[in-house]
Every structure is written in C-alpha cells, then in structure tokens.
Amino acid sequence: MAEKKSSGTRKYSKKAGKTVESAMRRKKKGTLRSGSGKKVTSRKQAIAIGLSEAREKGAKVPKKKTGAKKKSSAKKSSAKKKSSSKKS
C-alpha cells in the first residue's frame, strides 16, 4: 500500500495541542462545560472546545470550516422540481 506523505508543516501549534489536551483532561474529570453550561461528554465536542480556547489565546489553529452542505442543495433542487410540476 502507498504510504501517506506528510507535508512537513504542523496543522496545529504545540500551544493549541496543549489547550486541547487540557480540555480532554477536564472532560475526563467531568468539569468541562459547554456554552450552555451542560457537562460535555462527547470527545469531539471536547476537542472543538479546546481548539476554540486555543484560538482565543492566539495559537496557530486553522479557521473554522463554514459553508453550505451538499445535502441541503439536493433538497432545494427537488423542491424546485415539485413546484414547477404543479404549475403545468
């Protein structure tokens, strides 16, 4: 199998890694809270909170991914087809 080549640059800074590590520890301990004040139990949510905290501190973290999902565009096109067939 072909091995995946690394680009050589870090995606996240060491400081960001430490912040995420801290958030994971707090999750395990049970003291990590989400914005609404509820206890965080999801691993993915803990990582997201850690990255968000790292951004606030000014660590090197890629920007949040935003944009429309592909599934929503499929729903819109099917809705247009239905409305056009009713007019005929």
PDB file of N, CA and C in Angstrom:
ATOM      1  N   MET A   1       0.832  -1.195   0.000  1.00  0.00           N
ATOM      2  CA  MET A   1       0.000   0.000   0.000  1.00  0.00           C
ATOM      3  C   MET A   1       0.867   1.246   0.000  1.00  0.00           C
ATOM      4  N   ALA A   2       0.343   2.283  -0.608  1.00  0.00           N
ATOM      5  CA  ALA A   2       1.072   3.543  -0.656  1.00  0.00           C
ATOM      6  C   ALA A   2       1.001   4.241   0.695  1.00  0.00           C
ATOM      7  N   GLU A   3       2.144   4.772   1.131  1.00  0.00           N
ATOM      8  CA  GLU A   3       2.193   5.485   2.404  1.00  0.00           C
ATOM      9  C   GLU A   3       1.813   6.943   2.193  1.00  0.00           C
ATOM     10  N   LYS A   4       1.134   7.499   3.157  1.00  0.00           N
ATOM     11  CA  LYS A   4       0.716   8.895   3.091  1.00  0.00           C
ATOM     12  C   LYS A   4       1.905   9.794   3.427  1.00  0.00           C
ATOM     13  N   LYS A   5       2.200  10.732   2.548  1.00  0.00           N
ATOM     14  CA  LYS A   5       3.315  11.650   2.779  1.00  0.00           C
ATOM     15  C   LYS A   5       2.845  12.833   3.619  1.00  0.00           C
ATOM     16  N   SER A   6       3.651  13.223   4.581  1.00  0.00           N
ATOM     17  CA  SER A   6       3.307  14.395   5.380  1.00  0.00           C
ATOM     18  C   SER A   6       3.871  15.639   4.709  1.00  0.00           C
ATOM     19  N   SER A   7       3.159  16.738   4.831  1.00  0.00           N
ATOM     20  CA  SER A   7       3.573  17.974   4.170  1.00  0.00           C
ATOM     21  C   SER A   7       4.751  18.637   4.878  1.00  0.00           C
ATOM     22  N   GLY A   8       4.994  18.239   6.136  1.00  0.00           N
ATOM     23  CA  GLY A   8       6.132  18.783   6.855  1.00  0.00           C
ATOM     24  C   GLY A   8       5.781  19.944   7.762  1.00  0.00           C
ATOM     25  N   THR A   9       4.613  20.531   7.566  1.00  0.00           N
ATOM     26  CA  THR A   9       4.198  21.629   8.433  1.00  0.00           C
ATOM     27  C   THR A   9       3.120  21.149   9.387  1.00  0.00           C
ATOM     28  N   ARG A  10       3.099  21.748  10.566  1.00  0.00           N
ATOM     29  CA  ARG A  10       2.106  21.373  11.571  1.00  0.00           C
ATOM     30  C   ARG A  10       0.771  22.016  11.237  1.00  0.00           C
ATOM     31  N   LYS A  11      -0.305  21.259  11.431  1.00  0.00           N
ATOM     32  CA  LYS A  11      -1.636  21.804  11.216  1.00  0.00           C
ATOM     33  C   LYS A  11      -2.018  22.687  12.402  1.00  0.00           C
ATOM     34  N   TYR A  12      -1.642  22.225  13.605  1.00  0.00           N
ATOM     35  CA  TYR A  12      -1.915  22.965  14.826  1.00  0.00           C
ATOM     36  C   TYR A  12      -0.598  23.228  15.549  1.00  0.00           C
ATOM     37  N   SER A  13      -0.511  24.336  16.261  1.00  0.00           N
ATOM     38  CA  SER A  13       0.704  24.652  17.005  1.00  0.00           C
ATOM     39  C   SER A  13       0.783  23.793  18.260  1.00  0.00           C
ATOM     40  N   LYS A  14       1.954  23.753  18.883  1.00  0.00           N
ATOM     41  CA  LYS A  14       2.134  22.999  20.127  1.00  0.00           C
ATOM     42  C   LYS A  14       1.241  23.570  21.218  1.00  0.00           C
ATOM     43  N   LYS A  15       1.092  24.890  21.224  1.00  0.00           N
ATOM     44  CA  LYS A  15       0.245  25.566  22.213  1.00  0.00           C
ATOM     45  C   LYS A  15      -1.211  25.108  22.064  1.00  0.00           C
ATOM     46  N   ALA A  16      -1.664  24.963  20.815  1.00  0.00           N
ATOM     47  CA  ALA A  16      -3.030  24.508  20.566  1.00  0.00           C
ATOM     48  C   ALA A  16      -3.203  23.074  21.047  1.00  0.00           C
ATOM     49  N   GLY A  17      -2.169  22.260  20.835  1.00  0.00           N
ATOM     50  CA  GLY A  17      -2.205  20.869  21.288  1.00  0.00           C
ATOM     51  C   GLY A  17      -2.332  20.769  22.796  1.00  0.00           C
ATOM     52  N   LYS A  18      -1.622  21.631  23.489  1.00  0.00           N
ATOM     53  CA  LYS A  18      -1.677  21.650  24.961  1.00  0.00           C
ATOM     54  C   LYS A  18      -3.069  22.055  25.444  1.00  0.00           C
ATOM     55  N   THR A  19      -3.677  23.024  24.748  1.00  0.00           N
ATOM     56  CA  THR A  19      -5.006  23.500  25.138  1.00  0.00           C
ATOM     57  C   THR A  19      -6.052  22.407  24.935  1.00  0.00           C
ATOM     58  N   VAL A  20      -5.955  21.682  23.822  1.00  0.00           N
ATOM     59  CA  VAL A  20      -6.874  20.576  23.550  1.00  0.00           C
ATOM     60  C   VAL A  20      -6.665  19.466  24.582  1.00  0.00           C
ATOM     61  N   GLU A  21      -5.410  19.205  24.899  1.00  0.00           N
ATOM     62  CA  GLU A  21      -5.067  18.194  25.904  1.00  0.00           C
ATOM     63  C   GLU A  21      -5.696  18.548  27.256  1.00  0.00           C
ATOM     64  N   SER A  22      -5.637  19.833  27.608  1.00  0.00           N
ATOM     65  CA  SER A  22      -6.218  20.319  28.852  1.00  0.00           C
ATOM     66  C   SER A  22      -7.735  20.123  28.851  1.00  0.00           C
ATOM     67  N   ALA A  23      -8.376  20.427  27.711  1.00  0.00           N
ATOM     68  CA  ALA A  23      -9.827  20.275  27.590  1.00  0.00           C
ATOM     69  C   ALA A  23     -10.227  18.803  27.718  1.00  0.00           C
ATOM     70  N   MET A  24      -9.423  17.920  27.147  1.00  0.00           N
ATOM     71  CA  MET A  24      -9.709  16.477  27.234  1.00  0.00           C
ATOM     72  C   MET A  24      -9.599  15.990  28.678  1.00  0.00           C
ATOM     73  N   ARG A  25      -8.619  16.527  29.401  1.00  0.00           N
ATOM     74  CA  ARG A  25      -8.468  16.156  30.815  1.00  0.00           C
ATOM     75  C   ARG A  25      -9.674  16.617  31.637  1.00  0.00           C
ATOM     76  N   ARG A  26     -10.105  17.857  31.355  1.00  0.00           N
ATOM     77  CA  ARG A  26     -11.268  18.410  32.065  1.00  0.00           C
ATOM     78  C   ARG A  26     -12.533  17.620  31.744  1.00  0.00           C
ATOM     79  N   LYS A  27     -12.643  17.132  30.497  1.00  0.00           N
ATOM     80  CA  LYS A  27     -13.791  16.304  30.109  1.00  0.00           C
ATOM     81  C   LYS A  27     -13.783  15.007  30.909  1.00  0.00           C
ATOM     82  N   LYS A  28     -12.616  14.392  30.985  1.00  0.00           N
ATOM     83  CA  LYS A  28     -12.483  13.127  31.705  1.00  0.00           C
ATOM     84  C   LYS A  28     -12.783  13.306  33.195  1.00  0.00           C
ATOM     85  N   LYS A  29     -12.365  14.442  33.728  1.00  0.00           N
ATOM     86  CA  LYS A  29     -12.589  14.751  35.143  1.00  0.00           C
ATOM     87  C   LYS A  29     -14.052  15.117  35.412  1.00  0.00           C
ATOM     88  N   GLY A  30     -14.738  15.615  34.359  1.00  0.00           N
ATOM     89  CA  GLY A  30     -16.147  15.969  34.476  1.00  0.00           C
ATOM     90  C   GLY A  30     -16.395  17.428  34.753  1.00  0.00           C
ATOM     91  N   THR A  31     -15.381  18.259  34.560  1.00  0.00           N
ATOM     92  CA  THR A  31     -15.533  19.684  34.846  1.00  0.00           C
ATOM     93  C   THR A  31     -15.666  20.539  33.579  1.00  0.00           C
ATOM     94  N   LEU A  32     -15.539  19.917  32.401  1.00  0.00           N
ATOM     95  CA  LEU A  32     -15.648  20.669  31.150  1.00  0.00           C
ATOM     96  C   LEU A  32     -17.117  20.936  30.841  1.00  0.00           C
ATOM     97  N   ARG A  33     -17.436  22.202  30.588  1.00  0.00           N
ATOM     98  CA  ARG A  33     -18.815  22.602  30.317  1.00  0.00           C
ATOM     99  C   ARG A  33     -18.901  23.266  28.944  1.00  0.00           C
ATOM    100  N   SER A  34     -20.040  23.078  28.297  1.00  0.00           N
ATOM    101  CA  SER A  34     -20.269  23.718  27.008  1.00  0.00           C
ATOM    102  C   SER A  34     -20.763  25.143  27.239  1.00  0.00           C
ATOM    103  N   GLY A  35     -21.044  25.864  26.173  1.00  0.00           N
ATOM    104  CA  GLY A  35     -21.503  27.241  26.290  1.00  0.00           C
ATOM    105  C   GLY A  35     -22.816  27.373  27.044  1.00  0.00           C
ATOM    106  N   SER A  36     -23.668  26.357  26.943  1.00  0.00           N
ATOM    107  CA  SER A  36     -24.963  26.407  27.625  1.00  0.00           C
ATOM    108  C   SER A  36     -24.848  26.015  29.098  1.00  0.00           C
ATOM    109  N   GLY A  37     -23.676  25.553  29.502  1.00  0.00           N
ATOM    110  CA  GLY A  37     -23.453  25.178  30.902  1.00  0.00           C
ATOM    111  C   GLY A  37     -23.622  23.700  31.183  1.00  0.00           C
ATOM    112  N   LYS A  38     -23.963  22.922  30.126  1.00  0.00           N
ATOM    113  CA  LYS A  38     -24.134  21.482  30.315  1.00  0.00           C
ATOM    114  C   LYS A  38     -22.779  20.784  30.311  1.00  0.00           C
ATOM    115  N   LYS A  39     -22.709  19.645  30.991  1.00  0.00           N
ATOM    116  CA  LYS A  39     -21.475  18.873  31.056  1.00  0.00           C
ATOM    117  C   LYS A  39     -21.179  18.247  29.687  1.00  0.00           C
ATOM    118  N   VAL A  40     -19.944  18.328  29.249  1.00  0.00           N
ATOM    119  CA  VAL A  40     -19.535  17.777  27.957  1.00  0.00           C
ATOM    120  C   VAL A  40     -19.172  16.310  28.129  1.00  0.00           C
ATOM    121  N   THR A  41     -19.790  15.441  27.303  1.00  0.00           N
ATOM    122  CA  THR A  41     -19.479  14.014  27.352  1.00  0.00           C
ATOM    123  C   THR A  41     -18.887  13.521  26.031  1.00  0.00           C
ATOM    124  N   SER A  42     -19.045  14.313  24.970  1.00  0.00           N
ATOM    125  CA  SER A  42     -18.567  13.939  23.653  1.00  0.00           C
ATOM    126  C   SER A  42     -17.091  14.288  23.479  1.00  0.00           C
ATOM    127  N   ARG A  43     -16.331  13.345  22.940  1.00  0.00           N
ATOM    128  CA  ARG A  43     -14.902  13.557  22.686  1.00  0.00           C
ATOM    129  C   ARG A  43     -14.713  14.658  21.639  1.00  0.00           C
ATOM    130  N   LYS A  44     -15.511  14.605  20.587  1.00  0.00           N
ATOM    131  CA  LYS A  44     -15.409  15.592  19.514  1.00  0.00           C
ATOM    132  C   LYS A  44     -15.709  17.007  20.022  1.00  0.00           C
ATOM    133  N   GLN A  45     -16.695  17.104  20.908  1.00  0.00           N
ATOM    134  CA  GLN A  45     -17.056  18.413  21.447  1.00  0.00           C
ATOM    135  C   GLN A  45     -15.934  18.953  22.326  1.00  0.00           C
ATOM    136  N   ALA A  46     -15.276  18.054  23.076  1.00  0.00           N
ATOM    137  CA  ALA A  46     -14.157  18.465  23.923  1.00  0.00           C
ATOM    138  C   ALA A  46     -13.008  19.003  23.076  1.00  0.00           C
ATOM    139  N   ILE A  47     -12.741  18.350  21.956  1.00  0.00           N
ATOM    140  CA  ILE A  47     -11.678  18.800  21.051  1.00  0.00           C
ATOM    141  C   ILE A  47     -12.037  20.159  20.463  1.00  0.00           C
ATOM    142  N   ALA A  48     -13.304  20.316  20.064  1.00  0.00           N
ATOM    143  CA  ALA A  48     -13.759  21.588  19.492  1.00  0.00           C
ATOM    144  C   ALA A  48     -13.630  22.724  20.499  1.00  0.00           C
ATOM    145  N   ILE A  49     -13.964  22.460  21.748  1.00  0.00           N
ATOM    146  CA  ILE A  49     -13.843  23.472  22.795  1.00  0.00           C
ATOM    147  C   ILE A  49     -12.372  23.828  23.006  1.00  0.00           C
ATOM    148  N   GLY A  50     -11.511  22.824  23.009  1.00  0.00           N
ATOM    149  CA  GLY A  50     -10.073  23.043  23.164  1.00  0.00           C
ATOM    150  C   GLY A  50      -9.504  23.899  22.051  1.00  0.00           C
ATOM    151  N   LEU A  51      -9.910  23.612  20.808  1.00  0.00           N
ATOM    152  CA  LEU A  51      -9.434  24.403  19.663  1.00  0.00           C
ATOM    153  C   LEU A  51      -9.963  25.833  19.721  1.00  0.00           C
ATOM    154  N   SER A  52     -11.200  25.980  20.164  1.00  0.00           N
ATOM    155  CA  SER A  52     -11.790  27.309  20.298  1.00  0.00           C
ATOM    156  C   SER A  52     -11.031  28.130  21.343  1.00  0.00           C
ATOM    157  N   GLU A  53     -10.706  27.498  22.462  1.00  0.00           N
ATOM    158  CA  GLU A  53      -9.936  28.179  23.516  1.00  0.00           C
ATOM    159  C   GLU A  53      -8.551  28.552  23.010  1.00  0.00           C
ATOM    160  N   ALA A  54      -7.949  27.662  22.201  1.00  0.00           N
ATOM    161  CA  ALA A  54      -6.621  27.934  21.644  1.00  0.00           C
ATOM    162  C   ALA A  54      -6.671  29.132  20.704  1.00  0.00           C
ATOM    163  N   ARG A  55      -7.746  29.239  19.906  1.00  0.00           N
ATOM    164  CA  ARG A  55      -7.924  30.390  19.014  1.00  0.00           C
ATOM    165  C   ARG A  55      -7.978  31.692  19.808  1.00  0.00           C
ATOM    166  N   GLU A  56      -8.716  31.648  20.926  1.00  0.00           N
ATOM    167  CA  GLU A  56      -8.840  32.842  21.769  1.00  0.00           C
ATOM    168  C   GLU A  56      -7.492  33.277  22.327  1.00  0.00           C
ATOM    169  N   LYS A  57      -6.635  32.295  22.630  1.00  0.00           N
ATOM    170  CA  LYS A  57      -5.311  32.593  23.180  1.00  0.00           C
ATOM    171  C   LYS A  57      -4.322  33.029  22.098  1.00  0.00           C
ATOM    172  N   GLY A  58      -4.712  32.878  20.834  1.00  0.00           N
ATOM    173  CA  GLY A  58      -3.851  33.307  19.728  1.00  0.00           C
ATOM    174  C   GLY A  58      -2.949  32.216  19.187  1.00  0.00           C
ATOM    175  N   ALA A  59      -3.270  30.958  19.458  1.00  0.00           N
ATOM    176  CA  ALA A  59      -2.462  29.843  18.952  1.00  0.00           C
ATOM    177  C   ALA A  59      -2.744  29.621  17.472  1.00  0.00           C
ATOM    178  N   LYS A  60      -1.827  28.917  16.784  1.00  0.00           N
ATOM    179  CA  LYS A  60      -1.975  28.638  15.362  1.00  0.00           C
ATOM    180  C   LYS A  60      -2.984  27.496  15.189  1.00  0.00           C
ATOM    181  N   VAL A  61      -4.183  27.865  14.781  1.00  0.00           N
ATOM    182  CA  VAL A  61      -5.259  26.895  14.549  1.00  0.00           C
ATOM    183  C   VAL A  61      -5.946  27.289  13.251  1.00  0.00           C
ATOM    184  N   PRO A  62      -6.183  26.338  12.327  1.00  0.00           N
ATOM    185  CA  PRO A  62      -6.889  26.697  11.088  1.00  0.00           C
ATOM    186  C   PRO A  62      -8.265  27.271  11.373  1.00  0.00           C
ATOM    187  N   LYS A  63      -8.753  28.097  10.468  1.00  0.00           N
ATOM    188  CA  LYS A  63     -10.066  28.722  10.631  1.00  0.00           C
ATOM    189  C   LYS A  63     -11.159  27.665  10.609  1.00  0.00           C
ATOM    190  N   LYS A  64     -12.294  27.992  11.224  1.00  0.00           N
ATOM    191  CA  LYS A  64     -13.444  27.084  11.237  1.00  0.00           C
ATOM    192  C   LYS A  64     -13.939  26.906   9.812  1.00  0.00           C
ATOM    193  N   LYS A  65     -14.351  25.689   9.474  1.00  0.00           N
ATOM    194  CA  LYS A  65     -14.909  25.421   8.157  1.00  0.00           C
ATOM    195  C   LYS A  65     -16.363  25.860   8.161  1.00  0.00           C
ATOM    196  N   THR A  66     -16.719  26.683   7.192  1.00  0.00           N
ATOM    197  CA  THR A  66     -18.103  27.141   7.069  1.00  0.00           C
ATOM    198  C   THR A  66     -18.539  26.976   5.627  1.00  0.00           C
ATOM    199  N   GLY A  67     -19.818  26.935   5.405  1.00  0.00           N
ATOM    200  CA  GLY A  67     -20.349  26.830   4.052  1.00  0.00           C
ATOM    201  C   GLY A  67     -21.533  25.898   4.015  1.00  0.00           C
ATOM    202  N   ALA A  68     -22.210  25.889   2.877  1.00  0.00           N
ATOM    203  CA  ALA A  68     -23.401  25.064   2.721  1.00  0.00           C
ATOM    204  C   ALA A  68     -23.013  23.603   2.538  1.00  0.00           C
ATOM    205  N   LYS A  69     -23.838  22.743   3.093  1.00  0.00           N
ATOM    206  CA  LYS A  69     -23.616  21.305   2.929  1.00  0.00           C
ATOM    207  C   LYS A  69     -24.238  20.859   1.606  1.00  0.00           C
ATOM    208  N   LYS A  70     -23.717  19.802   1.026  1.00  0.00           N
ATOM    209  CA  LYS A  70     -24.197  19.311  -0.257  1.00  0.00           C
ATOM    210  C   LYS A  70     -25.618  18.764  -0.160  1.00  0.00           C
ATOM    211  N   LYS A  71     -25.964  18.172   0.970  1.00  0.00           N
ATOM    212  CA  LYS A  71     -27.293  17.587   1.133  1.00  0.00           C
ATOM    213  C   LYS A  71     -28.386  18.647   1.033  1.00  0.00           C
ATOM    214  N   SER A  72     -28.147  19.827   1.574  1.00  0.00           N
ATOM    215  CA  SER A  72     -29.161  20.879   1.556  1.00  0.00           C
ATOM    216  C   SER A  72     -29.433  21.356   0.133  1.00  0.00           C
ATOM    217  N   SER A  73     -28.426  21.362  -0.735  1.00  0.00           N
ATOM    218  CA  SER A  73     -28.631  21.799  -2.109  1.00  0.00           C
ATOM    219  C   SER A  73     -29.459  20.783  -2.874  1.00  0.00           C
ATOM    220  N   ALA A  74     -29.359  19.512  -2.532  1.00  0.00           N
ATOM    221  CA  ALA A  74     -30.149  18.480  -3.185  1.00  0.00           C
ATOM    222  C   ALA A  74     -31.624  18.643  -2.822  1.00  0.00           C
ATOM    223  N   LYS A  75     -31.900  19.019  -1.589  1.00  0.00           N
ATOM    224  CA  LYS A  75     -33.279  19.240  -1.157  1.00  0.00           C
ATOM    225  C   LYS A  75     -33.883  20.423  -1.890  1.00  0.00           C
ATOM    226  N   LYS A  76     -33.101  21.469  -2.084  1.00  0.00           N
ATOM    227  CA  LYS A  76     -33.593  22.662  -2.763  1.00  0.00           C
ATOM    228  C   LYS A  76     -33.962  22.349  -4.212  1.00  0.00           C
ATOM    229  N   SER A  77     -33.139  21.573  -4.905  1.00  0.00           N
ATOM    230  CA  SER A  77     -33.404  21.260  -6.311  1.00  0.00           C
ATOM    231  C   SER A  77     -34.642  20.381  -6.451  1.00  0.00           C
ATOM    232  N   SER A  78     -34.854  19.456  -5.504  1.00  0.00           N
ATOM    233  CA  SER A  78     -36.044  18.615  -5.578  1.00  0.00           C
ATOM    234  C   SER A  78     -37.294  19.424  -5.284  1.00  0.00           C
ATOM    235  N   ALA A  79     -37.177  20.431  -4.403  1.00  0.00           N
ATOM    236  CA  ALA A  79     -38.309  21.301  -4.101  1.00  0.00           C
ATOM    237  C   ALA A  79     -38.674  22.134  -5.317  1.00  0.00           C
ATOM    238  N   LYS A  80     -37.692  22.575  -6.092  1.00  0.00           N
ATOM    239  CA  LYS A  80     -37.944  23.345  -7.293  1.00  0.00           C
ATOM    240  C   LYS A  80     -38.660  22.492  -8.346  1.00  0.00           C
ATOM    241  N   LYS A  81     -38.274  21.218  -8.474  1.00  0.00           N
ATOM    242  CA  LYS A  81     -38.893  20.324  -9.433  1.00  0.00           C
ATOM    243  C   LYS A  81     -40.364  20.113  -9.104  1.00  0.00           C
ATOM    244  N   LYS A  82     -40.670  19.955  -7.805  1.00  0.00           N
ATOM    245  CA  LYS A  82     -42.052  19.744  -7.386  1.00  0.00           C
ATOM    246  C   LYS A  82     -42.904  20.976  -7.691  1.00  0.00           C
ATOM    247  N   SER A  83     -42.389  22.160  -7.410  1.00  0.00           N
ATOM    248  CA  SER A  83     -43.156  23.392  -7.619  1.00  0.00           C
ATOM    249  C   SER A  83     -43.372  23.644  -9.115  1.00  0.00           C
ATOM    250  N   SER A  84     -42.422  23.306  -9.956  1.00  0.00           N
ATOM    251  CA  SER A  84     -42.558  23.517 -11.384  1.00  0.00           C
ATOM    252  C   SER A  84     -43.549  22.523 -11.996  1.00  0.00           C
ATOM    253  N   SER A  85     -43.632  21.297 -11.449  1.00  0.00           N
ATOM    254  CA  SER A  85     -44.560  20.303 -11.970  1.00  0.00           C
ATOM    255  C   SER A  85     -45.993  20.648 -11.601  1.00  0.00           C
ATOM    256  N   LYS A  86     -46.204  21.347 -10.481  1.00  0.00           N
ATOM    257  CA  LYS A  86     -47.544  21.749 -10.061  1.00  0.00           C
ATOM    258  C   LYS A  86     -48.099  22.841 -10.985  1.00  0.00           C
ATOM    259  N   LYS A  87     -47.238  23.691 -11.487  1.00  0.00           N
ATOM    260  CA  LYS A  87     -47.666  24.793 -12.361  1.00  0.00           C
ATOM    261  C   LYS A  87     -48.187  24.288 -13.705  1.00  0.00           C
ATOM    262  N   SER A  88     -47.672  23.177 -14.192  1.00  0.00           N
ATOM    263  CA  SER A  88     -48.056  22.641 -15.505  1.00  0.00           C
ATOM    264  C   SER A  88     -49.467  22.148 -15.563  1.00  0.00           C
TER     265      SER A  88
END
